Amino acid sequence: MLLRPRVLSAGRERLRPAEMRPGRPQPEGVVVVETAREFKVLVGVAVAPHRRGCHPRARGGRGRTRPRRPTRGSRFGGVRVAALYDVEGNLPALDAVLAEVADLRPDVVVFGGDLYCGAQPVEVIDRARAVPNARFVLGNVDRLDDVNVAYQVAQLRSDQRDFVAGFPERLVLGDVLYSHGSPRSVDEAVTMLTSDDALREMVDGIEQRVIVIGHTHTQFDRRVDGYRIVNAGSVGAAWEKTAGAYWAFVSGDDVELRRTSYDVDAAIAALRADDPNREIREAWIRGPHDPHAIAQRLEAASGR
């Protein structure tokens, strides 16, 4: 969500990308999960104990076929991730996407930031927290002290505020890095028009070759120097030519961009008359938008 430009203060420490590696002590604000088994333990999925020779084929008998090998180059292999970014407090959009996600049965649902800043912040946080295999990443307007979301923060319960305050800035699942903005900052915008040179600076030193982001509300799939930078789009306020809830499905190092239809009129009806940003939120939800023109404006605002 980009309501106003934000400049990182000179004294704010940025995470050096080389530190975001499994097996190393991690700076505050980064969660790293190296293996599928480690992840399933983390989110509470039952994991059967492994015993040498217990596989039917290992004993020469009949039984289940041998599991598929992990996707090449990905320690996380077959773990499937639904990446839901920029929900923006849009409950009808979130419900529609989660219904589709349930049919896909992912191992984890990543909420990639800017979760509650819209019409129904309380309901959206409760709905997201109820997803048993959910993980959360901090967005630029998930910060409780951001003036752009003071209206929403005032509605949150104390337990919800504590919950949001604990969001990490980045999440690493195997060889995929999830962040809201660029890997350098939740505030840094990346667009379909960001130059290759600028992208190289943003990903310099990053070990993960696939990076899933959001923040600019438009899906794209970029490649530079062996890196794949994918914007999952926005579930609740997509800046696309066609209205809908946009998100991504990640399997190993493969990423599929998806769109889900939902009741746009219901989402707009949920906006309250006293919301200071009601008009702009309605325009974001209803569309249509020109993604290329929006990217040009964001690049200009970023001084690139």
C-alpha atoms as a PDB file:
ATOM      1  CA  MET A   1       0.000   0.000   0.000  1.00  0.00           C
ATOM      2  CA  LEU A   2       1.427   3.357  -1.007  1.00  0.00           C
ATOM      3  CA  LEU A   3      -0.492   6.288   0.462  1.00  0.00           C
ATOM      4  CA  ARG A   4       2.525   8.500   0.943  1.00  0.00           C
ATOM      5  CA  PRO A   5       6.278   8.127   0.356  1.00  0.00           C
ATOM      6  CA  ARG A   6       8.334   6.993   3.330  1.00  0.00           C
ATOM      7  CA  VAL A   7      12.064   7.549   3.694  1.00  0.00           C
ATOM      8  CA  LEU A   8      14.167   5.255   5.821  1.00  0.00           C
ATOM      9  CA  SER A   9      15.862   7.177   8.590  1.00  0.00           C
ATOM     10  CA  ALA A  10      19.631   7.327   8.358  1.00  0.00           C
ATOM     11  CA  GLY A  11      19.988   5.539  11.652  1.00  0.00           C
ATOM     12  CA  ARG A  12      17.827   2.548  10.741  1.00  0.00           C
ATOM     13  CA  GLU A  13      19.904  -0.582  10.264  1.00  0.00           C
ATOM     14  CA  ARG A  14      19.241  -2.578   7.120  1.00  0.00           C
ATOM     15  CA  LEU A  15      19.678  -6.311   6.971  1.00  0.00           C
ATOM     16  CA  ARG A  16      22.667  -7.379   4.935  1.00  0.00           C
ATOM     17  CA  PRO A  17      21.354  -9.950   2.423  1.00  0.00           C
ATOM     18  CA  ALA A  18      24.237 -12.350   3.027  1.00  0.00           C
ATOM     19  CA  GLU A  19      22.968 -12.806   6.582  1.00  0.00           C
ATOM     20  CA  MET A  20      19.659 -14.272   5.392  1.00  0.00           C
ATOM     21  CA  ARG A  21      20.984 -17.800   5.065  1.00  0.00           C
ATOM     22  CA  PRO A  22      19.828 -21.006   6.717  1.00  0.00           C
ATOM     23  CA  GLY A  23      22.239 -22.294   9.319  1.00  0.00           C
ATOM     24  CA  ARG A  24      23.395 -18.837  10.420  1.00  0.00           C
ATOM     25  CA  PRO A  25      22.235 -16.850  13.424  1.00  0.00           C
ATOM     26  CA  GLN A  26      19.527 -14.568  12.041  1.00  0.00           C
ATOM     27  CA  PRO A  27      19.078 -10.854  12.698  1.00  0.00           C
ATOM     28  CA  GLU A  28      15.910  -9.748  14.403  1.00  0.00           C
ATOM     29  CA  GLY A  29      12.980  -9.582  11.994  1.00  0.00           C
ATOM     30  CA  VAL A  30      13.952 -12.546   9.809  1.00  0.00           C
ATOM     31  CA  VAL A  31      12.550 -16.075   9.979  1.00  0.00           C
ATOM     32  CA  VAL A  32      14.463 -18.801   8.122  1.00  0.00           C
ATOM     33  CA  VAL A  33      13.202 -22.344   7.614  1.00  0.00           C
ATOM     34  CA  GLU A  34      15.585 -24.652   5.801  1.00  0.00           C
ATOM     35  CA  THR A  35      13.811 -27.981   5.364  1.00  0.00           C
ATOM     36  CA  ALA A  36      10.273 -29.196   4.789  1.00  0.00           C
ATOM     37  CA  ARG A  37      10.347 -31.180   8.026  1.00  0.00           C
ATOM     38  CA  GLU A  38      11.533 -28.129   9.956  1.00  0.00           C
ATOM     39  CA  PHE A  39       8.698 -26.088   8.467  1.00  0.00           C
ATOM     40  CA  LYS A  40       6.010 -28.635   9.302  1.00  0.00           C
ATOM     41  CA  VAL A  41       7.163 -28.733  12.904  1.00  0.00           C
ATOM     42  CA  LEU A  42       7.113 -24.919  12.956  1.00  0.00           C
ATOM     43  CA  VAL A  43       3.496 -24.633  11.833  1.00  0.00           C
ATOM     44  CA  GLY A  44       2.249 -27.645  13.750  1.00  0.00           C
ATOM     45  CA  VAL A  45       1.843 -30.175  10.919  1.00  0.00           C
ATOM     46  CA  ALA A  46       2.213 -33.753  12.129  1.00  0.00           C
ATOM     47  CA  VAL A  47       5.542 -35.264  11.021  1.00  0.00           C
ATOM     48  CA  ALA A  48       6.023 -39.022  11.199  1.00  0.00           C
ATOM     49  CA  PRO A  49       9.339 -40.116  12.699  1.00  0.00           C
ATOM     50  CA  HIS A  50      11.863 -41.293  10.112  1.00  0.00           C
ATOM     51  CA  ARG A  51      13.472 -44.669  10.649  1.00  0.00           C
ATOM     52  CA  ARG A  52      16.175 -46.177   8.511  1.00  0.00           C
ATOM     53  CA  GLY A  53      14.831 -48.905   6.221  1.00  0.00           C
ATOM     54  CA  CYS A  54      11.176 -48.336   7.035  1.00  0.00           C
ATOM     55  CA  HIS A  55      10.197 -47.545   3.443  1.00  0.00           C
ATOM     56  CA  PRO A  56       8.496 -50.580   1.825  1.00  0.00           C
ATOM     57  CA  ARG A  57      10.800 -50.434  -1.175  1.00  0.00           C
ATOM     58  CA  ALA A  58      13.830 -50.512   1.116  1.00  0.00           C
ATOM     59  CA  ARG A  59      12.670 -53.900   2.432  1.00  0.00           C
ATOM     60  CA  GLY A  60      12.027 -55.236  -1.057  1.00  0.00           C
ATOM     61  CA  GLY A  61       8.281 -55.430  -0.530  1.00  0.00           C
ATOM     62  CA  ARG A  62       5.386 -53.703  -2.225  1.00  0.00           C
ATOM     63  CA  GLY A  63       4.002 -50.459  -0.984  1.00  0.00           C
ATOM     64  CA  ARG A  64       3.950 -46.764  -1.694  1.00  0.00           C
ATOM     65  CA  THR A  65       6.009 -45.428  -4.534  1.00  0.00           C
ATOM     66  CA  ARG A  66       9.165 -43.602  -3.549  1.00  0.00           C
ATOM     67  CA  PRO A  67       8.514 -39.886  -2.876  1.00  0.00           C
ATOM     68  CA  ARG A  68       9.324 -37.437  -5.627  1.00  0.00           C
ATOM     69  CA  ARG A  69      12.650 -35.718  -5.377  1.00  0.00           C
ATOM     70  CA  PRO A  70      12.565 -32.093  -4.349  1.00  0.00           C
ATOM     71  CA  THR A  71      12.500 -29.490  -7.084  1.00  0.00           C
ATOM     72  CA  ARG A  72      16.000 -29.067  -8.406  1.00  0.00           C
ATOM     73  CA  GLY A  73      17.876 -26.378  -6.545  1.00  0.00           C
ATOM     74  CA  SER A  74      15.308 -26.086  -3.756  1.00  0.00           C
ATOM     75  CA  ARG A  75      15.844 -27.588  -0.311  1.00  0.00           C
ATOM     76  CA  PHE A  76      12.173 -26.971   0.352  1.00  0.00           C
ATOM     77  CA  GLY A  77      11.235 -29.179  -2.594  1.00  0.00           C
ATOM     78  CA  GLY A  78       7.563 -30.073  -2.769  1.00  0.00           C
ATOM     79  CA  VAL A  79       6.330 -27.671  -0.083  1.00  0.00           C
ATOM     80  CA  ARG A  80       3.486 -25.651  -1.588  1.00  0.00           C
ATOM     81  CA  VAL A  81       2.902 -22.044  -0.585  1.00  0.00           C
ATOM     82  CA  ALA A  82      -0.049 -19.742  -1.242  1.00  0.00           C
ATOM     83  CA  ALA A  83       1.334 -16.183  -1.222  1.00  0.00           C
ATOM     84  CA  LEU A  84      -1.344 -13.636  -0.288  1.00  0.00           C
ATOM     85  CA  TYR A  85      -0.119 -10.049  -0.287  1.00  0.00           C
ATOM     86  CA  ASP A  86      -1.796  -6.689   0.316  1.00  0.00           C
ATOM     87  CA  VAL A  87      -5.157  -7.955   1.572  1.00  0.00           C
ATOM     88  CA  GLU A  88      -5.854  -4.353   2.643  1.00  0.00           C
ATOM     89  CA  GLY A  89      -8.670  -5.247   5.062  1.00  0.00           C
ATOM     90  CA  ASN A  90     -10.825  -6.610   2.223  1.00  0.00           C
ATOM     91  CA  LEU A  91     -12.720  -9.523   3.774  1.00  0.00           C
ATOM     92  CA  PRO A  92     -14.814 -10.554   0.707  1.00  0.00           C
ATOM     93  CA  ALA A  93     -11.631 -10.809  -1.364  1.00  0.00           C
ATOM     94  CA  LEU A  94      -9.789 -12.747   1.338  1.00  0.00           C
ATOM     95  CA  ASP A  95     -12.666 -15.202   1.818  1.00  0.00           C
ATOM     96  CA  ALA A  96     -12.834 -15.869  -1.927  1.00  0.00           C
ATOM     97  CA  VAL A  97      -9.111 -16.545  -2.167  1.00  0.00           C
ATOM     98  CA  LEU A  98      -9.020 -18.756   0.923  1.00  0.00           C
ATOM     99  CA  ALA A  99     -11.850 -20.861  -0.517  1.00  0.00           C
ATOM    100  CA  GLU A 100      -9.736 -21.461  -3.616  1.00  0.00           C
ATOM    101  CA  VAL A 101      -6.602 -22.011  -1.559  1.00  0.00           C
ATOM    102  CA  ALA A 102      -8.386 -24.696   0.476  1.00  0.00           C
ATOM    103  CA  ASP A 103      -8.901 -26.746  -2.681  1.00  0.00           C
ATOM    104  CA  LEU A 104      -5.156 -26.530  -3.447  1.00  0.00           C
ATOM    105  CA  ARG A 105      -4.184 -27.655   0.068  1.00  0.00           C
ATOM    106  CA  PRO A 106      -0.885 -25.767   0.398  1.00  0.00           C
ATOM    107  CA  ASP A 107       1.528 -26.510   3.183  1.00  0.00           C
ATOM    108  CA  VAL A 108       1.663 -22.856   4.174  1.00  0.00           C
ATOM    109  CA  VAL A 109      -0.196 -19.644   3.493  1.00  0.00           C
ATOM    110  CA  VAL A 110       2.093 -16.600   3.561  1.00  0.00           C
ATOM    111  CA  PHE A 111       0.425 -13.270   4.249  1.00  0.00           C
ATOM    112  CA  GLY A 112       2.928 -10.886   2.723  1.00  0.00           C
ATOM    113  CA  GLY A 113       2.106  -7.606   4.431  1.00  0.00           C
ATOM    114  CA  ASP A 114      -0.456  -4.791   4.466  1.00  0.00           C
ATOM    115  CA  LEU A 115      -2.973  -7.190   5.931  1.00  0.00           C
ATOM    116  CA  TYR A 116      -5.558  -5.080   7.732  1.00  0.00           C
ATOM    117  CA  CYS A 117      -5.455  -1.508   6.343  1.00  0.00           C
ATOM    118  CA  GLY A 118      -8.955  -1.311   4.896  1.00  0.00           C
ATOM    119  CA  ALA A 119     -12.668  -1.684   5.540  1.00  0.00           C
ATOM    120  CA  GLN A 120     -12.671  -4.620   7.975  1.00  0.00           C
ATOM    121  CA  PRO A 121      -9.378  -4.742   9.867  1.00  0.00           C
ATOM    122  CA  VAL A 122     -10.662  -6.657  12.883  1.00  0.00           C
ATOM    123  CA  GLU A 123     -12.426  -9.322  10.835  1.00  0.00           C
ATOM    124  CA  VAL A 124      -9.535  -9.754   8.395  1.00  0.00           C
ATOM    125  CA  ILE A 125      -6.952 -10.260  11.138  1.00  0.00           C
ATOM    126  CA  ASP A 126      -9.191 -12.812  12.858  1.00  0.00           C
ATOM    127  CA  ARG A 127      -9.801 -14.614   9.562  1.00  0.00           C
ATOM    128  CA  ALA A 128      -6.099 -14.749   8.728  1.00  0.00           C
ATOM    129  CA  ARG A 129      -5.122 -15.890  12.214  1.00  0.00           C
ATOM    130  CA  ALA A 130      -7.630 -18.732  11.928  1.00  0.00           C
ATOM    131  CA  VAL A 131      -5.691 -20.233   9.008  1.00  0.00           C
ATOM    132  CA  PRO A 132      -3.779 -23.000  10.787  1.00  0.00           C
ATOM    133  CA  ASN A 133      -0.722 -23.018   8.503  1.00  0.00           C
ATOM    134  CA  ALA A 134      -0.373 -19.247   8.093  1.00  0.00           C
ATOM    135  CA  ARG A 135       2.831 -17.238   8.351  1.00  0.00           C
ATOM    136  CA  PHE A 136       3.004 -13.442   8.299  1.00  0.00           C
ATOM    137  CA  VAL A 137       5.370 -10.806   6.922  1.00  0.00           C
ATOM    138  CA  LEU A 138       5.395  -7.127   7.864  1.00  0.00           C
ATOM    139  CA  GLY A 139       4.054  -4.610   5.355  1.00  0.00           C
ATOM    140  CA  ASN A 140       4.772  -0.889   5.316  1.00  0.00           C
ATOM    141  CA  VAL A 141       1.330  -0.048   6.726  1.00  0.00           C
ATOM    142  CA  ASP A 142       1.192  -2.924   9.176  1.00  0.00           C
ATOM    143  CA  ARG A 143       3.211  -0.687  11.484  1.00  0.00           C
ATOM    144  CA  LEU A 144       0.951   0.369  14.298  1.00  0.00           C
ATOM    145  CA  ASP A 145       2.402   3.872  14.422  1.00  0.00           C
ATOM    146  CA  ASP A 146       1.833   4.647  10.732  1.00  0.00           C
ATOM    147  CA  VAL A 147      -0.494   7.650  10.423  1.00  0.00           C
ATOM    148  CA  ASN A 148      -2.066   6.171   7.285  1.00  0.00           C
ATOM    149  CA  VAL A 149      -3.687   3.399   9.334  1.00  0.00           C
ATOM    150  CA  ALA A 150      -4.498   5.236  12.565  1.00  0.00           C
ATOM    151  CA  TYR A 151      -8.186   4.807  11.748  1.00  0.00           C
ATOM    152  CA  GLN A 152      -7.808   1.023  11.503  1.00  0.00           C
ATOM    153  CA  VAL A 153      -5.423   0.659  14.437  1.00  0.00           C
ATOM    154  CA  ALA A 154      -7.967   2.399  16.672  1.00  0.00           C
ATOM    155  CA  GLN A 155     -10.402  -0.438  15.923  1.00  0.00           C
ATOM    156  CA  LEU A 156      -8.034  -3.302  16.771  1.00  0.00           C
ATOM    157  CA  ARG A 157      -8.215  -5.249  20.016  1.00  0.00           C
ATOM    158  CA  SER A 158      -5.116  -5.330  22.185  1.00  0.00           C
ATOM    159  CA  ASP A 159      -4.395  -8.964  21.257  1.00  0.00           C
ATOM    160  CA  GLN A 160      -4.548  -8.045  17.582  1.00  0.00           C
ATOM    161  CA  ARG A 161      -2.105  -5.179  18.066  1.00  0.00           C
ATOM    162  CA  ASP A 162       0.302  -7.496  19.855  1.00  0.00           C
ATOM    163  CA  PHE A 163      -0.086 -10.027  17.055  1.00  0.00           C
ATOM    164  CA  VAL A 164       0.681  -7.526  14.289  1.00  0.00           C
ATOM    165  CA  ALA A 165       3.626  -6.083  16.232  1.00  0.00           C
ATOM    166  CA  GLY A 166       5.322  -9.478  15.981  1.00  0.00           C
ATOM    167  CA  PHE A 167       5.425  -9.703  12.176  1.00  0.00           C
ATOM    168  CA  PRO A 168       8.965 -10.285  10.823  1.00  0.00           C
ATOM    169  CA  GLU A 169      10.203  -8.213   7.895  1.00  0.00           C
ATOM    170  CA  ARG A 170      11.262 -11.245   5.870  1.00  0.00           C
ATOM    171  CA  LEU A 171      10.529 -14.936   5.715  1.00  0.00           C
ATOM    172  CA  VAL A 172      12.740 -17.554   4.074  1.00  0.00           C
ATOM    173  CA  LEU A 173      11.214 -20.922   3.178  1.00  0.00           C
ATOM    174  CA  GLY A 174      13.943 -23.080   1.693  1.00  0.00           C
ATOM    175  CA  ASP A 175      15.272 -21.235  -1.337  1.00  0.00           C
ATOM    176  CA  VAL A 176      12.445 -18.693  -1.580  1.00  0.00           C
ATOM    177  CA  LEU A 177      12.555 -15.304   0.138  1.00  0.00           C
ATOM    178  CA  TYR A 178       9.288 -13.550   0.992  1.00  0.00           C
ATOM    179  CA  SER A 179       9.339  -9.814   1.682  1.00  0.00           C
ATOM    180  CA  HIS A 180       6.803  -7.028   1.282  1.00  0.00           C
ATOM    181  CA  GLY A 181       8.901  -4.491  -0.587  1.00  0.00           C
ATOM    182  CA  SER A 182      12.346  -5.180  -1.978  1.00  0.00           C
ATOM    183  CA  PRO A 183      14.625  -7.472   0.063  1.00  0.00           C
ATOM    184  CA  ARG A 184      16.260  -4.307   1.408  1.00  0.00           C
ATOM    185  CA  SER A 185      13.189  -2.616   2.877  1.00  0.00           C
ATOM    186  CA  VAL A 186       9.432  -3.054   3.317  1.00  0.00           C
ATOM    187  CA  ASP A 187       9.131   0.502   1.957  1.00  0.00           C
ATOM    188  CA  GLU A 188      11.124   0.097  -1.258  1.00  0.00           C
ATOM    189  CA  ALA A 189       8.889  -0.212  -4.320  1.00  0.00           C
ATOM    190  CA  VAL A 190       9.683  -2.636  -7.128  1.00  0.00           C
ATOM    191  CA  THR A 191       7.673  -2.390 -10.340  1.00  0.00           C
ATOM    192  CA  MET A 192       7.478  -3.987 -13.761  1.00  0.00           C
ATOM    193  CA  LEU A 193       9.561  -1.013 -15.007  1.00  0.00           C
ATOM    194  CA  THR A 194      12.299  -1.043 -12.363  1.00  0.00           C
ATOM    195  CA  SER A 195      15.572  -1.159 -14.278  1.00  0.00           C
ATOM    196  CA  ASP A 196      17.730  -4.276 -14.265  1.00  0.00           C
ATOM    197  CA  ASP A 197      20.541  -2.274 -12.679  1.00  0.00           C
ATOM    198  CA  ALA A 198      18.265  -1.221  -9.810  1.00  0.00           C
ATOM    199  CA  LEU A 199      17.097  -4.823  -9.366  1.00  0.00           C
ATOM    200  CA  ARG A 200      20.691  -6.010  -9.220  1.00  0.00           C
ATOM    201  CA  GLU A 201      21.382  -3.630  -6.358  1.00  0.00           C
ATOM    202  CA  MET A 202      18.254  -4.774  -4.513  1.00  0.00           C
ATOM    203  CA  VAL A 203      19.137  -8.474  -4.693  1.00  0.00           C
ATOM    204  CA  ASP A 204      22.897  -8.139  -4.324  1.00  0.00           C
ATOM    205  CA  GLY A 205      24.130 -10.802  -1.928  1.00  0.00           C
ATOM    206  CA  ILE A 206      20.780 -12.599  -1.632  1.00  0.00           C
ATOM    207  CA  GLU A 207      21.315 -16.357  -1.544  1.00  0.00           C
ATOM    208  CA  GLN A 208      17.726 -17.301  -2.442  1.00  0.00           C
ATOM    209  CA  ARG A 209      17.180 -17.285  -6.206  1.00  0.00           C
ATOM    210  CA  VAL A 210      13.405 -16.765  -6.024  1.00  0.00           C
ATOM    211  CA  ILE A 211      12.067 -13.652  -4.310  1.00  0.00           C
ATOM    212  CA  VAL A 212       8.323 -13.073  -3.829  1.00  0.00           C
ATOM    213  CA  ILE A 213       7.245  -9.515  -3.052  1.00  0.00           C
ATOM    214  CA  GLY A 214       4.180  -7.255  -3.082  1.00  0.00           C
ATOM    215  CA  HIS A 215       3.715  -3.596  -2.066  1.00  0.00           C
ATOM    216  CA  THR A 216       2.990  -2.210  -5.561  1.00  0.00           C
ATOM    217  CA  HIS A 217      -0.296  -4.113  -6.064  1.00  0.00           C
ATOM    218  CA  THR A 218       0.500  -5.326  -9.609  1.00  0.00           C
ATOM    219  CA  GLN A 219       1.634  -8.783 -10.633  1.00  0.00           C
ATOM    220  CA  PHE A 220       4.824  -9.253 -12.612  1.00  0.00           C
ATOM    221  CA  ASP A 221       7.536 -11.856 -13.091  1.00  0.00           C
ATOM    222  CA  ARG A 222      11.043 -10.471 -13.596  1.00  0.00           C
ATOM    223  CA  ARG A 223      14.370 -12.208 -14.112  1.00  0.00           C
ATOM    224  CA  VAL A 224      17.843 -10.752 -13.755  1.00  0.00           C
ATOM    225  CA  ASP A 225      21.212 -12.485 -13.368  1.00  0.00           C
ATOM    226  CA  GLY A 226      19.689 -15.815 -12.350  1.00  0.00           C
ATOM    227  CA  TYR A 227      17.243 -14.275  -9.878  1.00  0.00           C
ATOM    228  CA  ARG A 228      13.482 -14.489 -10.283  1.00  0.00           C
ATOM    229  CA  ILE A 229      11.607 -11.569  -8.689  1.00  0.00           C
ATOM    230  CA  VAL A 230       7.846 -12.105  -8.603  1.00  0.00           C
ATOM    231  CA  ASN A 231       5.178  -9.699  -7.423  1.00  0.00           C
ATOM    232  CA  ALA A 232       2.256 -11.771  -6.136  1.00  0.00           C
ATOM    233  CA  GLY A 233      -0.178  -8.899  -6.694  1.00  0.00           C
ATOM    234  CA  SER A 234      -2.809  -7.641  -4.274  1.00  0.00           C
ATOM    235  CA  VAL A 235      -5.665  -9.682  -2.853  1.00  0.00           C
ATOM    236  CA  GLY A 236      -7.687  -6.706  -1.669  1.00  0.00           C
ATOM    237  CA  ALA A 237      -6.753  -3.683  -3.821  1.00  0.00           C
ATOM    238  CA  ALA A 238      -5.307  -4.842  -7.118  1.00  0.00           C
ATOM    239  CA  TRP A 239      -3.995  -2.222  -9.529  1.00  0.00           C
ATOM    240  CA  GLU A 240      -4.857  -4.312 -12.575  1.00  0.00           C
ATOM    241  CA  LYS A 241      -6.944  -3.894 -15.714  1.00  0.00           C
ATOM    242  CA  THR A 242      -9.523  -6.380 -14.407  1.00  0.00           C
ATOM    243  CA  ALA A 243     -10.920  -6.274 -10.872  1.00  0.00           C
ATOM    244  CA  GLY A 244     -10.237  -9.309  -8.722  1.00  0.00           C
ATOM    245  CA  ALA A 245      -8.062 -10.771  -6.001  1.00  0.00           C
ATOM    246  CA  TYR A 246      -4.526 -11.426  -7.240  1.00  0.00           C
ATOM    247  CA  TRP A 247      -2.095 -13.796  -5.546  1.00  0.00           C
ATOM    248  CA  ALA A 248       0.553 -16.433  -6.249  1.00  0.00           C
ATOM    249  CA  PHE A 249       1.040 -20.145  -5.736  1.00  0.00           C
ATOM    250  CA  VAL A 250       4.593 -21.312  -5.104  1.00  0.00           C
ATOM    251  CA  SER A 251       5.754 -24.917  -5.414  1.00  0.00           C
ATOM    252  CA  GLY A 252       9.460 -25.352  -4.834  1.00  0.00           C
ATOM    253  CA  ASP A 253      11.021 -22.707  -7.045  1.00  0.00           C
ATOM    254  CA  ASP A 254       8.073 -22.534  -9.456  1.00  0.00           C
ATOM    255  CA  VAL A 255       5.621 -19.624  -9.132  1.00  0.00           C
ATOM    256  CA  GLU A 256       2.145 -19.404 -10.668  1.00  0.00           C
ATOM    257  CA  LEU A 257       0.369 -16.045 -10.750  1.00  0.00           C
ATOM    258  CA  ARG A 258      -3.363 -16.374 -10.074  1.00  0.00           C
ATOM    259  CA  ARG A 259      -6.541 -14.287 -10.005  1.00  0.00           C
ATOM    260  CA  THR A 260      -9.752 -15.004  -8.060  1.00  0.00           C
ATOM    261  CA  SER A 261     -13.095 -13.301  -8.709  1.00  0.00           C
ATOM    262  CA  TYR A 262     -14.995 -11.955  -5.699  1.00  0.00           C
ATOM    263  CA  ASP A 263     -17.921  -9.686  -4.821  1.00  0.00           C
ATOM    264  CA  VAL A 264     -16.420  -6.258  -5.460  1.00  0.00           C
ATOM    265  CA  ASP A 265     -19.674  -4.478  -4.596  1.00  0.00           C
ATOM    266  CA  ALA A 266     -19.732  -6.159  -1.190  1.00  0.00           C
ATOM    267  CA  ALA A 267     -16.158  -5.032  -0.548  1.00  0.00           C
ATOM    268  CA  ILE A 268     -17.043  -1.440  -1.403  1.00  0.00           C
ATOM    269  CA  ALA A 269     -20.231  -1.562   0.696  1.00  0.00           C
ATOM    270  CA  ALA A 270     -18.112  -2.572   3.706  1.00  0.00           C
ATOM    271  CA  LEU A 271     -16.178   0.718   3.549  1.00  0.00           C
ATOM    272  CA  ARG A 272     -17.375   3.021   6.314  1.00  0.00           C
ATOM    273  CA  ALA A 273     -18.449   6.581   5.603  1.00  0.00           C
ATOM    274  CA  ASP A 274     -16.083   7.996   8.225  1.00  0.00           C
ATOM    275  CA  ASP A 275     -12.988   6.257   6.799  1.00  0.00           C
ATOM    276  CA  PRO A 276     -10.710   9.170   5.814  1.00  0.00           C
ATOM    277  CA  ASN A 277      -9.425   7.156   2.844  1.00  0.00           C
ATOM    278  CA  ARG A 278     -12.800   5.789   1.723  1.00  0.00           C
ATOM    279  CA  GLU A 279     -12.777   7.315  -1.761  1.00  0.00           C
ATOM    280  CA  ILE A 280      -9.294   6.195  -2.651  1.00  0.00           C
ATOM    281  CA  ARG A 281      -9.947   2.693  -1.324  1.00  0.00           C
ATOM    282  CA  GLU A 282     -13.109   2.419  -3.382  1.00  0.00           C
ATOM    283  CA  ALA A 283     -11.195   3.474  -6.507  1.00  0.00           C
ATOM    284  CA  TRP A 284      -8.456   0.942  -5.783  1.00  0.00           C
ATOM    285  CA  ILE A 285     -10.956  -1.886  -5.349  1.00  0.00           C
ATOM    286  CA  ARG A 286     -13.219  -1.082  -8.277  1.00  0.00           C
ATOM    287  CA  GLY A 287     -10.635  -0.225 -10.934  1.00  0.00           C
ATOM    288  CA  PRO A 288      -9.894  -0.603 -13.754  1.00  0.00           C
ATOM    289  CA  HIS A 289      -6.275   0.505 -13.524  1.00  0.00           C
ATOM    290  CA  ASP A 290      -3.425   0.978 -15.984  1.00  0.00           C
ATOM    291  CA  PRO A 291      -0.541  -1.025 -14.446  1.00  0.00           C
ATOM    292  CA  HIS A 292       2.035   0.455 -16.820  1.00  0.00           C
ATOM    293  CA  ALA A 293       1.052   4.052 -16.019  1.00  0.00           C
ATOM    294  CA  ILE A 294       1.048   3.307 -12.294  1.00  0.00           C
ATOM    295  CA  ALA A 295       4.524   1.767 -12.568  1.00  0.00           C
ATOM    296  CA  GLN A 296       5.771   4.883 -14.351  1.00  0.00           C
ATOM    297  CA  ARG A 297       4.477   7.097 -11.525  1.00  0.00           C
ATOM    298  CA  LEU A 298       6.007   4.888  -8.843  1.00  0.00           C
ATOM    299  CA  GLU A 299       9.367   4.858 -10.596  1.00  0.00           C
ATOM    300  CA  ALA A 300       9.287   8.645 -10.845  1.00  0.00           C
ATOM    301  CA  ALA A 301       8.342   8.955  -7.164  1.00  0.00           C
ATOM    302  CA  SER A 302      11.275   6.671  -6.298  1.00  0.00           C
ATOM    303  CA  GLY A 303      13.677   8.925  -8.231  1.00  0.00           C
ATOM    304  CA  ARG A 304      14.614   6.198 -10.676  1.00  0.00           C
END
